[in-house]
Amino acid sequence: MTATNITASQPHVVALLKAEQQPFASTTGCAIPRLFKCRVRVRTATGEQHSYTAMFKSTCGAVMDALDRFGLAKVSVEAIKK
């Protein structure tokens, strides 16, 4: 359904479409997106090993962070459960 098909007799649809256009905080009631505590282990091309723990939006974000920090490397990420 597109916005051109919506009439005044469909206020629930109008409200839903308006909510989709709002920033994250107004639609979820939460000002901060959920973050996951991840343990990141890195082995660089030269064989150096590094390990750190940090908060990320996803495990994929943790991998990207490690690659940004260390360049070409073997990266292992584990989400730490509470």
C-alpha atoms as a PDB file:
ATOM      1  CA  MET A   1       0.000   0.000   0.000  1.00  0.00           C
ATOM      2  CA  THR A   2       1.415   3.369  -0.941  1.00  0.00           C
ATOM      3  CA  ALA A   3       0.763   6.740   0.621  1.00  0.00           C
ATOM      4  CA  THR A   4      -1.350   7.744  -2.386  1.00  0.00           C
ATOM      5  CA  ASN A   5      -3.896   4.995  -1.572  1.00  0.00           C
ATOM      6  CA  ILE A   6      -4.461   6.105   2.029  1.00  0.00           C
ATOM      7  CA  THR A   7      -7.647   7.978   2.870  1.00  0.00           C
ATOM      8  CA  ALA A   8      -8.886   9.716   6.002  1.00  0.00           C
ATOM      9  CA  SER A   9     -10.974   6.607   6.742  1.00  0.00           C
ATOM     10  CA  GLN A  10      -7.751   4.684   7.401  1.00  0.00           C
ATOM     11  CA  PRO A  11      -6.168   6.598  10.336  1.00  0.00           C
ATOM     12  CA  HIS A  12      -4.418   3.478  11.693  1.00  0.00           C
ATOM     13  CA  VAL A  13      -2.483   3.122   8.430  1.00  0.00           C
ATOM     14  CA  VAL A  14      -1.552   6.807   8.406  1.00  0.00           C
ATOM     15  CA  ALA A  15      -0.287   6.549  11.998  1.00  0.00           C
ATOM     16  CA  LEU A  16       1.784   3.463  11.128  1.00  0.00           C
ATOM     17  CA  LEU A  17       3.406   5.152   8.140  1.00  0.00           C
ATOM     18  CA  LYS A  18       4.215   8.237  10.214  1.00  0.00           C
ATOM     19  CA  ALA A  19       5.800   6.039  12.921  1.00  0.00           C
ATOM     20  CA  GLU A  20       8.066   4.369  10.332  1.00  0.00           C
ATOM     21  CA  GLN A  21       9.464   7.776   9.397  1.00  0.00           C
ATOM     22  CA  GLN A  22      10.389   8.696  12.979  1.00  0.00           C
ATOM     23  CA  PRO A  23      13.867   8.297  14.499  1.00  0.00           C
ATOM     24  CA  PHE A  24      14.723   5.145  16.455  1.00  0.00           C
ATOM     25  CA  ALA A  25      14.004   6.615  19.899  1.00  0.00           C
ATOM     26  CA  SER A  26      10.436   7.655  19.134  1.00  0.00           C
ATOM     27  CA  THR A  27       9.391   4.276  17.704  1.00  0.00           C
ATOM     28  CA  THR A  28      10.882   2.011  20.356  1.00  0.00           C
ATOM     29  CA  GLY A  29      10.632   4.159  23.462  1.00  0.00           C
ATOM     30  CA  CYS A  30      14.359   3.604  23.925  1.00  0.00           C
ATOM     31  CA  ALA A  31      16.909   6.357  23.342  1.00  0.00           C
ATOM     32  CA  ILE A  32      19.874   4.002  22.904  1.00  0.00           C
ATOM     33  CA  PRO A  33      19.993   1.119  20.422  1.00  0.00           C
ATOM     34  CA  ARG A  34      20.741  -2.280  21.946  1.00  0.00           C
ATOM     35  CA  LEU A  35      24.442  -3.059  22.240  1.00  0.00           C
ATOM     36  CA  PHE A  36      26.078  -6.445  22.711  1.00  0.00           C
ATOM     37  CA  LYS A  37      29.176  -7.092  24.776  1.00  0.00           C
ATOM     38  CA  CYS A  38      31.606  -8.970  22.531  1.00  0.00           C
ATOM     39  CA  ARG A  39      34.970 -10.618  23.069  1.00  0.00           C
ATOM     40  CA  VAL A  40      37.171 -10.064  20.025  1.00  0.00           C
ATOM     41  CA  ARG A  41      40.267 -12.180  19.361  1.00  0.00           C
ATOM     42  CA  VAL A  42      42.650 -11.227  16.579  1.00  0.00           C
ATOM     43  CA  ARG A  43      45.683 -12.924  15.018  1.00  0.00           C
ATOM     44  CA  THR A  44      47.521 -10.627  12.618  1.00  0.00           C
ATOM     45  CA  ALA A  45      49.356 -11.692   9.469  1.00  0.00           C
ATOM     46  CA  THR A  46      52.636 -11.462  11.431  1.00  0.00           C
ATOM     47  CA  GLY A  47      51.331 -13.867  14.099  1.00  0.00           C
ATOM     48  CA  GLU A  48      50.669 -11.307  16.856  1.00  0.00           C
ATOM     49  CA  GLN A  49      47.650 -12.075  19.042  1.00  0.00           C
ATOM     50  CA  HIS A  50      45.324  -9.490  20.530  1.00  0.00           C
ATOM     51  CA  SER A  51      42.119  -9.785  22.538  1.00  0.00           C
ATOM     52  CA  TYR A  52      39.678  -7.156  23.750  1.00  0.00           C
ATOM     53  CA  THR A  53      36.113  -6.779  24.965  1.00  0.00           C
ATOM     54  CA  ALA A  54      33.821  -3.951  23.880  1.00  0.00           C
ATOM     55  CA  MET A  55      30.190  -3.035  23.187  1.00  0.00           C
ATOM     56  CA  PHE A  56      28.940  -3.304  19.586  1.00  0.00           C
ATOM     57  CA  LYS A  57      25.630  -3.101  17.731  1.00  0.00           C
ATOM     58  CA  SER A  58      26.306  -6.567  16.303  1.00  0.00           C
ATOM     59  CA  THR A  59      28.995  -9.222  16.063  1.00  0.00           C
ATOM     60  CA  CYS A  60      29.504  -8.114  12.464  1.00  0.00           C
ATOM     61  CA  GLY A  61      30.284  -4.625  13.796  1.00  0.00           C
ATOM     62  CA  ALA A  62      32.879  -6.184  16.099  1.00  0.00           C
ATOM     63  CA  VAL A  63      34.557  -7.915  13.149  1.00  0.00           C
ATOM     64  CA  MET A  64      34.623  -4.662  11.179  1.00  0.00           C
ATOM     65  CA  ASP A  65      36.165  -2.869  14.172  1.00  0.00           C
ATOM     66  CA  ALA A  66      38.934  -5.483  14.434  1.00  0.00           C
ATOM     67  CA  LEU A  67      39.687  -5.276  10.716  1.00  0.00           C
ATOM     68  CA  ASP A  68      39.826  -1.463  10.937  1.00  0.00           C
ATOM     69  CA  ARG A  69      42.224  -1.656  13.882  1.00  0.00           C
ATOM     70  CA  PHE A  70      44.541  -4.438  12.699  1.00  0.00           C
ATOM     71  CA  GLY A  71      44.114  -4.712   8.938  1.00  0.00           C
ATOM     72  CA  LEU A  72      44.226  -8.139   7.320  1.00  0.00           C
ATOM     73  CA  ALA A  73      43.858 -10.617  10.177  1.00  0.00           C
ATOM     74  CA  LYS A  74      42.071 -13.692  11.445  1.00  0.00           C
ATOM     75  CA  VAL A  75      39.214 -12.458  13.637  1.00  0.00           C
ATOM     76  CA  SER A  76      37.048 -14.373  16.096  1.00  0.00           C
ATOM     77  CA  VAL A  77      34.087 -12.712  17.826  1.00  0.00           C
ATOM     78  CA  GLU A  78      31.918 -14.117  20.597  1.00  0.00           C
ATOM     79  CA  ALA A  79      28.880 -12.377  22.056  1.00  0.00           C
ATOM     80  CA  ILE A  80      29.193 -12.558  25.844  1.00  0.00           C
ATOM     81  CA  LYS A  81      25.945 -13.576  27.519  1.00  0.00           C
ATOM     82  CA  LYS A  82      24.947 -11.875  30.743  1.00  0.00           C
END
